[in-house]
């Protein structure tokens, strides 16, 4: 299936949506600013999670094309997630933030991520309907290094944005397009392996540096 046909399918997905049409018109109106509007929309969503991120991703693919739309969405989404992560982690010096962090149910979740590392965070970020904004905050409460978290953000959100742009925005799209579902599954597997490899290499480098310091 060529890109033009895929873009037509994407347009059909949101053509009946007033919000979708408005977003497309907004991106086209501010086209003179280049990729900036396409990057800003998913970036802002990291701070205001009630915004329709799937509509933003589909609109970017329609206005900029599948490749550039994917790239702009990925840059904005990852940058926003990283900034939220850093801000929350820096805010731990405030008592009210620590009170949230040490709630029992939050501790159970962060302990799970601390034990498992990159894998679970990456897998959760791969799915369009996972609470990514909550995951950004929870990740900041863990003991995971910023390198591990950035790796999970970068790879997980790449799969998520690819799945929305390439497969569609609903579970039905997966059932109707088995070939695309297989491609998505392969992408998740390859990115997971790549992430685990990089994570392992980072741990080895840290252990080596610690050994040299001693």
C-alpha atoms as a PDB file:
ATOM      1  CA  UNK A   1       0.000   0.000   0.000  1.00  0.00           C
ATOM      2  CA  UNK A   2       1.518   3.313  -1.044  1.00  0.00           C
ATOM      3  CA  UNK A   3       1.804   6.433   1.057  1.00  0.00           C
ATOM      4  CA  UNK A   4      -0.922   8.326  -0.826  1.00  0.00           C
ATOM      5  CA  UNK A   5      -3.487   5.609  -0.112  1.00  0.00           C
ATOM      6  CA  UNK A   6      -2.449   5.454   3.519  1.00  0.00           C
ATOM      7  CA  UNK A   7      -2.809   9.219   3.886  1.00  0.00           C
ATOM      8  CA  UNK A   8      -6.301   9.032   2.423  1.00  0.00           C
ATOM      9  CA  UNK A   9      -7.189   6.421   5.039  1.00  0.00           C
ATOM     10  CA  UNK A  10      -5.796   8.627   7.788  1.00  0.00           C
ATOM     11  CA  UNK A  11      -7.817  11.573   6.532  1.00  0.00           C
ATOM     12  CA  UNK A  12     -10.968   9.453   6.581  1.00  0.00           C
ATOM     13  CA  UNK A  13     -10.258   8.539  10.211  1.00  0.00           C
ATOM     14  CA  UNK A  14     -10.597  12.127  11.392  1.00  0.00           C
ATOM     15  CA  UNK A  15     -12.502  13.814   8.584  1.00  0.00           C
ATOM     16  CA  UNK A  16     -15.778  13.451  10.488  1.00  0.00           C
ATOM     17  CA  UNK A  17     -14.238  14.939  13.610  1.00  0.00           C
ATOM     18  CA  UNK A  18     -14.662  18.688  14.151  1.00  0.00           C
ATOM     19  CA  UNK A  19     -11.515  18.720  16.279  1.00  0.00           C
ATOM     20  CA  UNK A  20      -9.599  16.769  13.643  1.00  0.00           C
ATOM     21  CA  UNK A  21     -10.579  19.173  10.870  1.00  0.00           C
ATOM     22  CA  UNK A  22      -9.670  22.162  13.053  1.00  0.00           C
ATOM     23  CA  UNK A  23      -6.239  20.716  13.834  1.00  0.00           C
ATOM     24  CA  UNK A  24      -5.557  20.059  10.150  1.00  0.00           C
ATOM     25  CA  UNK A  25      -6.625  23.611   9.247  1.00  0.00           C
ATOM     26  CA  UNK A  26      -4.465  24.979  12.071  1.00  0.00           C
ATOM     27  CA  UNK A  27      -1.381  23.115  10.866  1.00  0.00           C
ATOM     28  CA  UNK A  28      -1.969  24.218   7.275  1.00  0.00           C
ATOM     29  CA  UNK A  29      -2.611  27.845   8.288  1.00  0.00           C
ATOM     30  CA  UNK A  30       0.668  28.022  10.210  1.00  0.00           C
ATOM     31  CA  UNK A  31       2.548  26.107   7.535  1.00  0.00           C
ATOM     32  CA  UNK A  32       4.865  29.087   7.112  1.00  0.00           C
ATOM     33  CA  UNK A  33       6.458  28.191  10.450  1.00  0.00           C
ATOM     34  CA  UNK A  34       7.672  24.905   9.003  1.00  0.00           C
ATOM     35  CA  UNK A  35       7.671  21.901  11.321  1.00  0.00           C
ATOM     36  CA  UNK A  36       7.221  23.976  14.497  1.00  0.00           C
ATOM     37  CA  UNK A  37       3.404  23.615  14.773  1.00  0.00           C
ATOM     38  CA  UNK A  38       3.645  19.871  14.194  1.00  0.00           C
ATOM     39  CA  UNK A  39       6.249  19.552  16.942  1.00  0.00           C
ATOM     40  CA  UNK A  40       4.492  21.864  19.391  1.00  0.00           C
ATOM     41  CA  UNK A  41       1.150  20.030  19.454  1.00  0.00           C
ATOM     42  CA  UNK A  42       2.439  16.688  20.819  1.00  0.00           C
ATOM     43  CA  UNK A  43       4.925  18.614  22.979  1.00  0.00           C
ATOM     44  CA  UNK A  44       2.125  20.545  24.694  1.00  0.00           C
ATOM     45  CA  UNK A  45       0.114  17.332  25.165  1.00  0.00           C
ATOM     46  CA  UNK A  46       2.819  16.062  27.526  1.00  0.00           C
ATOM     47  CA  UNK A  47       1.825  18.892  29.891  1.00  0.00           C
ATOM     48  CA  UNK A  48      -1.936  18.825  29.194  1.00  0.00           C
ATOM     49  CA  UNK A  49      -2.816  15.125  28.799  1.00  0.00           C
ATOM     50  CA  UNK A  50      -6.521  15.776  28.131  1.00  0.00           C
ATOM     51  CA  UNK A  51      -5.567  17.027  24.646  1.00  0.00           C
ATOM     52  CA  UNK A  52      -6.325  14.548  21.827  1.00  0.00           C
ATOM     53  CA  UNK A  53      -2.847  13.208  21.114  1.00  0.00           C
ATOM     54  CA  UNK A  54      -4.092  10.654  18.554  1.00  0.00           C
ATOM     55  CA  UNK A  55      -5.754  13.420  16.546  1.00  0.00           C
ATOM     56  CA  UNK A  56      -2.509  15.408  16.673  1.00  0.00           C
ATOM     57  CA  UNK A  57      -0.512  12.443  15.384  1.00  0.00           C
ATOM     58  CA  UNK A  58      -2.941  11.689  12.565  1.00  0.00           C
ATOM     59  CA  UNK A  59      -3.134  15.369  11.578  1.00  0.00           C
ATOM     60  CA  UNK A  60       0.658  15.609  11.440  1.00  0.00           C
ATOM     61  CA  UNK A  61       0.804  12.593   9.140  1.00  0.00           C
ATOM     62  CA  UNK A  62      -1.845  14.099   6.852  1.00  0.00           C
ATOM     63  CA  UNK A  63      -0.329  17.588   6.652  1.00  0.00           C
ATOM     64  CA  UNK A  64       3.376  16.697   6.595  1.00  0.00           C
ATOM     65  CA  UNK A  65       3.281  13.183   5.138  1.00  0.00           C
ATOM     66  CA  UNK A  66       3.871   9.904   6.919  1.00  0.00           C
ATOM     67  CA  UNK A  67       7.636  10.230   7.391  1.00  0.00           C
ATOM     68  CA  UNK A  68       7.881  13.896   8.362  1.00  0.00           C
ATOM     69  CA  UNK A  69       4.631  13.747  10.307  1.00  0.00           C
ATOM     70  CA  UNK A  70       6.018  10.816  12.279  1.00  0.00           C
ATOM     71  CA  UNK A  71       9.329  12.599  12.870  1.00  0.00           C
ATOM     72  CA  UNK A  72       7.765  15.871  14.045  1.00  0.00           C
ATOM     73  CA  UNK A  73       5.321  14.044  16.318  1.00  0.00           C
ATOM     74  CA  UNK A  74       8.140  11.939  17.760  1.00  0.00           C
ATOM     75  CA  UNK A  75      10.380  14.943  18.448  1.00  0.00           C
ATOM     76  CA  UNK A  76       7.592  16.882  20.165  1.00  0.00           C
ATOM     77  CA  UNK A  77       6.287  13.947  22.187  1.00  0.00           C
ATOM     78  CA  UNK A  78       9.702  12.774  23.401  1.00  0.00           C
ATOM     79  CA  UNK A  79      10.893  16.307  24.208  1.00  0.00           C
ATOM     80  CA  UNK A  80       7.726  17.019  26.198  1.00  0.00           C
ATOM     81  CA  UNK A  81       7.977  13.732  28.106  1.00  0.00           C
ATOM     82  CA  UNK A  82      11.627  14.339  28.990  1.00  0.00           C
ATOM     83  CA  UNK A  83      10.945  17.863  30.260  1.00  0.00           C
ATOM     84  CA  UNK A  84       8.005  16.643  32.382  1.00  0.00           C
ATOM     85  CA  UNK A  85      10.214  13.873  33.765  1.00  0.00           C
ATOM     86  CA  UNK A  86      13.030  16.293  34.661  1.00  0.00           C
ATOM     87  CA  UNK A  87      10.660  18.842  36.220  1.00  0.00           C
ATOM     88  CA  UNK A  88       8.948  16.235  38.398  1.00  0.00           C
ATOM     89  CA  UNK A  89      12.258  14.716  39.501  1.00  0.00           C
ATOM     90  CA  UNK A  90      13.633  18.174  40.328  1.00  0.00           C
ATOM     91  CA  UNK A  91      10.436  18.920  42.289  1.00  0.00           C
ATOM     92  CA  UNK A  92      11.000  16.049  44.720  1.00  0.00           C
ATOM     93  CA  UNK A  93      12.524  18.510  47.163  1.00  0.00           C
ATOM     94  CA  UNK A  94       9.014  19.821  47.789  1.00  0.00           C
ATOM     95  CA  UNK A  95       7.144  18.096  50.583  1.00  0.00           C
ATOM     96  CA  UNK A  96       3.851  17.766  48.713  1.00  0.00           C
ATOM     97  CA  UNK A  97       5.607  16.014  45.823  1.00  0.00           C
ATOM     98  CA  UNK A  98       7.306  13.586  48.226  1.00  0.00           C
ATOM     99  CA  UNK A  99       3.921  12.940  49.832  1.00  0.00           C
ATOM    100  CA  UNK A 100       2.588  11.815  46.456  1.00  0.00           C
ATOM    101  CA  UNK A 101       5.691   9.777  45.689  1.00  0.00           C
ATOM    102  CA  UNK A 102       5.537   7.785  48.924  1.00  0.00           C
ATOM    103  CA  UNK A 103       1.881   6.828  48.728  1.00  0.00           C
ATOM    104  CA  UNK A 104       1.537   3.065  48.977  1.00  0.00           C
ATOM    105  CA  UNK A 105       0.105   2.423  45.494  1.00  0.00           C
ATOM    106  CA  UNK A 106       2.669   4.737  43.881  1.00  0.00           C
ATOM    107  CA  UNK A 107       5.468   2.906  45.716  1.00  0.00           C
ATOM    108  CA  UNK A 108       4.242  -0.442  44.408  1.00  0.00           C
ATOM    109  CA  UNK A 109       4.359   0.831  40.834  1.00  0.00           C
ATOM    110  CA  UNK A 110       7.759   2.502  41.156  1.00  0.00           C
ATOM    111  CA  UNK A 111       9.219  -0.578  42.860  1.00  0.00           C
ATOM    112  CA  UNK A 112       8.076  -2.673  39.914  1.00  0.00           C
ATOM    113  CA  UNK A 113       9.793  -0.349  37.445  1.00  0.00           C
ATOM    114  CA  UNK A 114      12.919  -0.223  39.614  1.00  0.00           C
ATOM    115  CA  UNK A 115      13.173  -4.021  39.519  1.00  0.00           C
ATOM    116  CA  UNK A 116      12.381  -4.425  35.825  1.00  0.00           C
ATOM    117  CA  UNK A 117      14.084  -1.342  34.383  1.00  0.00           C
ATOM    118  CA  UNK A 118      13.632  -0.357  30.753  1.00  0.00           C
ATOM    119  CA  UNK A 119      11.327  -3.168  29.555  1.00  0.00           C
ATOM    120  CA  UNK A 120       7.922  -2.474  31.179  1.00  0.00           C
ATOM    121  CA  UNK A 121       8.131   1.293  30.675  1.00  0.00           C
ATOM    122  CA  UNK A 122       8.994   0.810  27.020  1.00  0.00           C
ATOM    123  CA  UNK A 123       6.155  -1.679  26.440  1.00  0.00           C
ATOM    124  CA  UNK A 124       3.541   0.531  28.111  1.00  0.00           C
ATOM    125  CA  UNK A 125       4.634   3.540  26.062  1.00  0.00           C
ATOM    126  CA  UNK A 126       4.218   1.526  22.850  1.00  0.00           C
ATOM    127  CA  UNK A 127       0.429   1.529  23.092  1.00  0.00           C
ATOM    128  CA  UNK A 128      -1.595   4.602  22.016  1.00  0.00           C
ATOM    129  CA  UNK A 129      -4.141   4.315  24.826  1.00  0.00           C
ATOM    130  CA  UNK A 130      -1.698   3.906  27.722  1.00  0.00           C
ATOM    131  CA  UNK A 131      -1.638   6.799  30.232  1.00  0.00           C
ATOM    132  CA  UNK A 132       1.614   8.270  28.933  1.00  0.00           C
ATOM    133  CA  UNK A 133       1.315  11.444  31.040  1.00  0.00           C
ATOM    134  CA  UNK A 134       1.038   9.329  34.190  1.00  0.00           C
ATOM    135  CA  UNK A 135       3.959   7.197  33.059  1.00  0.00           C
ATOM    136  CA  UNK A 136       6.103  10.328  32.652  1.00  0.00           C
ATOM    137  CA  UNK A 137       5.445  11.250  36.278  1.00  0.00           C
ATOM    138  CA  UNK A 138       5.815   7.726  37.659  1.00  0.00           C
ATOM    139  CA  UNK A 139       9.127   7.333  35.810  1.00  0.00           C
ATOM    140  CA  UNK A 140      10.406  10.429  37.622  1.00  0.00           C
ATOM    141  CA  UNK A 141       9.595   8.781  40.964  1.00  0.00           C
ATOM    142  CA  UNK A 142      11.631   5.660  40.174  1.00  0.00           C
ATOM    143  CA  UNK A 143      15.344   5.072  40.666  1.00  0.00           C
ATOM    144  CA  UNK A 144      15.834   4.572  36.946  1.00  0.00           C
ATOM    145  CA  UNK A 145      18.604   6.683  35.449  1.00  0.00           C
ATOM    146  CA  UNK A 146      17.702   9.489  33.106  1.00  0.00           C
ATOM    147  CA  UNK A 147      19.500   7.573  30.345  1.00  0.00           C
ATOM    148  CA  UNK A 148      17.232   4.550  30.843  1.00  0.00           C
ATOM    149  CA  UNK A 149      14.116   6.713  30.883  1.00  0.00           C
ATOM    150  CA  UNK A 150      15.090   8.693  27.771  1.00  0.00           C
ATOM    151  CA  UNK A 151      15.797   5.406  25.996  1.00  0.00           C
ATOM    152  CA  UNK A 152      12.328   4.087  26.927  1.00  0.00           C
ATOM    153  CA  UNK A 153      10.683   7.367  25.900  1.00  0.00           C
ATOM    154  CA  UNK A 154      12.498   7.524  22.563  1.00  0.00           C
ATOM    155  CA  UNK A 155      11.865   3.928  21.500  1.00  0.00           C
ATOM    156  CA  UNK A 156       8.433   3.437  23.090  1.00  0.00           C
ATOM    157  CA  UNK A 157       6.963   6.617  21.658  1.00  0.00           C
ATOM    158  CA  UNK A 158       8.450   5.826  18.258  1.00  0.00           C
ATOM    159  CA  UNK A 159       6.465   2.573  18.201  1.00  0.00           C
ATOM    160  CA  UNK A 160       3.329   4.292  19.521  1.00  0.00           C
ATOM    161  CA  UNK A 161       3.411   7.082  16.926  1.00  0.00           C
ATOM    162  CA  UNK A 162       4.199   4.595  14.176  1.00  0.00           C
ATOM    163  CA  UNK A 163       1.249   2.421  15.218  1.00  0.00           C
ATOM    164  CA  UNK A 164      -1.163   5.374  15.104  1.00  0.00           C
ATOM    165  CA  UNK A 165       0.138   6.725  11.796  1.00  0.00           C
ATOM    166  CA  UNK A 166       0.584   3.415  10.026  1.00  0.00           C
ATOM    167  CA  UNK A 167      -2.047   1.117  11.483  1.00  0.00           C
ATOM    168  CA  UNK A 168      -4.804   3.484  12.590  1.00  0.00           C
ATOM    169  CA  UNK A 169      -6.335   4.858  15.751  1.00  0.00           C
ATOM    170  CA  UNK A 170      -8.570   1.980  16.811  1.00  0.00           C
ATOM    171  CA  UNK A 171      -8.334  -1.655  17.828  1.00  0.00           C
ATOM    172  CA  UNK A 172     -10.545  -2.505  14.834  1.00  0.00           C
ATOM    173  CA  UNK A 173      -7.808  -1.221  12.539  1.00  0.00           C
ATOM    174  CA  UNK A 174      -5.485  -3.905  13.868  1.00  0.00           C
ATOM    175  CA  UNK A 175      -8.007  -6.659  13.095  1.00  0.00           C
ATOM    176  CA  UNK A 176      -8.771  -5.266   9.647  1.00  0.00           C
ATOM    177  CA  UNK A 177      -5.099  -4.951   8.675  1.00  0.00           C
ATOM    178  CA  UNK A 178      -3.293  -8.132   9.833  1.00  0.00           C
ATOM    179  CA  UNK A 179      -0.202  -7.368   7.746  1.00  0.00           C
ATOM    180  CA  UNK A 180       0.219  -4.006   9.463  1.00  0.00           C
ATOM    181  CA  UNK A 181      -0.298  -5.653  12.836  1.00  0.00           C
ATOM    182  CA  UNK A 182       2.518  -8.103  12.086  1.00  0.00           C
ATOM    183  CA  UNK A 183       4.791  -5.237  11.058  1.00  0.00           C
ATOM    184  CA  UNK A 184       3.961  -3.418  14.288  1.00  0.00           C
ATOM    185  CA  UNK A 185       4.671  -6.547  16.332  1.00  0.00           C
ATOM    186  CA  UNK A 186       8.038  -6.964  14.640  1.00  0.00           C
ATOM    187  CA  UNK A 187       8.839  -3.273  15.280  1.00  0.00           C
ATOM    188  CA  UNK A 188       8.016  -3.657  18.983  1.00  0.00           C
ATOM    189  CA  UNK A 189      10.201  -6.742  19.232  1.00  0.00           C
ATOM    190  CA  UNK A 190      13.149  -5.154  17.436  1.00  0.00           C
ATOM    191  CA  UNK A 191      12.950  -1.928  19.447  1.00  0.00           C
ATOM    192  CA  UNK A 192      12.664  -3.914  22.688  1.00  0.00           C
ATOM    193  CA  UNK A 193      15.786  -5.908  21.829  1.00  0.00           C
ATOM    194  CA  UNK A 194      17.615  -2.743  20.816  1.00  0.00           C
ATOM    195  CA  UNK A 195      16.606  -1.040  24.059  1.00  0.00           C
ATOM    196  CA  UNK A 196      17.680  -3.985  26.204  1.00  0.00           C
ATOM    197  CA  UNK A 197      21.017  -4.117  24.396  1.00  0.00           C
ATOM    198  CA  UNK A 198      21.651  -0.397  24.893  1.00  0.00           C
ATOM    199  CA  UNK A 199      20.520  -0.617  28.534  1.00  0.00           C
ATOM    200  CA  UNK A 200      22.932  -3.504  29.129  1.00  0.00           C
ATOM    201  CA  UNK A 201      25.757  -1.555  27.522  1.00  0.00           C
ATOM    202  CA  UNK A 202      25.005   1.463  29.720  1.00  0.00           C
ATOM    203  CA  UNK A 203      25.107  -0.688  32.855  1.00  0.00           C
ATOM    204  CA  UNK A 204      28.438  -2.183  31.802  1.00  0.00           C
ATOM    205  CA  UNK A 205      29.880   1.293  31.199  1.00  0.00           C
ATOM    206  CA  UNK A 206      28.654   2.505  34.606  1.00  0.00           C
ATOM    207  CA  UNK A 207      30.109  -0.547  36.377  1.00  0.00           C
ATOM    208  CA  UNK A 208      33.410  -0.061  34.558  1.00  0.00           C
ATOM    209  CA  UNK A 209      33.560   3.599  35.577  1.00  0.00           C
ATOM    210  CA  UNK A 210      32.759   2.690  39.176  1.00  0.00           C
ATOM    211  CA  UNK A 211      35.514   0.065  39.123  1.00  0.00           C
ATOM    212  CA  UNK A 212      38.041   2.528  37.759  1.00  0.00           C
ATOM    213  CA  UNK A 213      37.032   5.081  40.386  1.00  0.00           C
ATOM    214  CA  UNK A 214      37.809   2.564  43.117  1.00  0.00           C
END
